[in-house]
Protein backbone atom coordinates (compact mmCIF):
# COMPACT_ATOMS: atom_id res chain seq x y z
CA UNK A 1 -42.12 -54.42 -249.91
CA UNK A 2 -39.34 -56.72 -250.99
CA UNK A 3 -37.76 -56.18 -254.21
CA UNK A 4 -37.62 -59.70 -255.87
CA UNK A 5 -35.30 -60.18 -259.67
CA UNK A 6 -36.22 -63.80 -261.22
CA UNK A 7 -33.20 -66.32 -262.84
CA UNK A 8 -33.54 -68.88 -265.24
CA UNK A 9 -31.74 -72.37 -264.59
CA UNK A 10 -28.46 -73.68 -264.83
CA UNK A 11 -26.16 -75.85 -262.98
CA UNK A 12 -26.76 -74.09 -260.02
CA UNK A 13 -29.79 -72.76 -260.01
CA UNK A 14 -30.47 -68.61 -258.91
CA UNK A 15 -34.47 -68.20 -258.70
CA UNK A 16 -34.17 -65.11 -257.08
CA UNK A 17 -32.49 -62.71 -255.05
CA UNK A 18 -34.28 -60.08 -253.00
CA UNK A 19 -33.54 -56.72 -251.77
CA UNK A 20 -35.01 -55.97 -248.28
CA UNK A 21 -35.75 -52.34 -248.32
CA UNK A 22 -36.54 -50.71 -244.55
CA UNK A 23 -39.98 -49.10 -245.12
CA UNK A 24 -40.45 -46.56 -246.03
CA UNK A 25 -37.44 -45.64 -247.35
CA UNK A 26 -35.04 -46.36 -249.51
CA UNK A 27 -32.26 -48.24 -247.27
CA UNK A 28 -31.60 -52.09 -247.35
CA UNK A 29 -31.72 -54.21 -243.88
CA UNK A 30 -28.49 -55.89 -245.23
CA UNK A 31 -27.32 -57.81 -248.60
CA UNK A 32 -29.85 -59.08 -250.33
CA UNK A 33 -30.86 -62.99 -249.60
CA UNK A 34 -30.81 -65.06 -253.38
CA UNK A 35 -32.79 -68.20 -253.53
CA UNK A 36 -32.11 -70.92 -255.35
CA UNK A 37 -31.74 -74.55 -256.07
CA UNK A 38 -29.31 -77.59 -257.00
CA UNK A 39 -30.93 -79.59 -260.35
CA UNK A 40 -31.11 -83.13 -260.04
CA UNK A 41 -31.30 -82.27 -255.67
CA UNK A 42 -34.72 -82.07 -253.57
CA UNK A 43 -33.34 -78.92 -251.90
CA UNK A 44 -34.00 -75.60 -252.05
CA UNK A 45 -31.19 -72.89 -250.54
CA UNK A 46 -31.11 -69.26 -249.14
CA UNK A 47 -28.23 -67.38 -249.12
CA UNK A 48 -27.44 -64.19 -247.17
CA UNK A 49 -24.58 -62.11 -245.65
CA UNK A 50 -23.59 -65.24 -243.29
CA UNK A 51 -23.76 -68.02 -245.75
CA UNK A 52 -26.09 -70.41 -246.89
CA UNK A 53 -28.66 -73.05 -245.76
CA UNK A 54 -29.47 -75.36 -247.68
CA UNK A 55 -33.24 -76.94 -247.48
CA UNK A 56 -34.69 -80.60 -248.04
CA UNK A 57 -38.10 -79.54 -250.57
CA UNK A 58 -39.42 -81.90 -247.44
CA UNK A 59 -39.40 -79.47 -244.98
CA UNK A 60 -40.15 -76.52 -246.72
CA UNK A 61 -43.81 -76.33 -244.99
CA UNK A 62 -42.79 -76.91 -241.33
CA UNK A 63 -40.13 -74.01 -242.41
CA UNK A 64 -42.76 -71.96 -243.62
CA UNK A 65 -44.91 -72.75 -241.12
CA UNK A 66 -42.44 -71.92 -238.49
CA UNK A 67 -41.56 -68.78 -240.38
CA UNK A 68 -44.92 -67.59 -240.34
CA UNK A 69 -45.24 -68.03 -236.74
CA UNK A 70 -42.50 -65.74 -236.41
CA UNK A 71 -43.80 -63.24 -238.25
CA UNK A 72 -46.81 -62.98 -236.19
CA UNK A 73 -44.71 -62.95 -233.18
CA UNK A 74 -42.66 -60.15 -234.00
CA UNK A 75 -46.31 -58.32 -235.18
CA UNK A 76 -47.51 -58.71 -231.95
CA UNK A 77 -44.35 -57.95 -229.79
CA UNK A 78 -43.79 -54.92 -231.80
CA UNK A 79 -47.38 -53.49 -231.56
CA UNK A 80 -46.82 -54.15 -227.70
CA UNK A 81 -43.32 -52.10 -227.97
CA UNK A 82 -45.06 -49.22 -229.55
CA UNK A 83 -47.46 -48.60 -226.78
CA UNK A 84 -45.27 -48.59 -224.14
């Protein structure tokens, strides 16, 4: 389960920082993901160890759809690998 810390809004608003532990232990995949937005601009940003990606709100539905598709394929392919 991811660990989520939520924040209040400001000039550059960070809405959450997510630590992603590796199941079942306490290790992490890497640095936390940070999510936020710029007030007055209809976009969100996601920042990780390699930088920040700005995503216009109008594109979020498609981005989330592709994340779900990738997750489904990852699960399917990981289950296939375990059986080999």
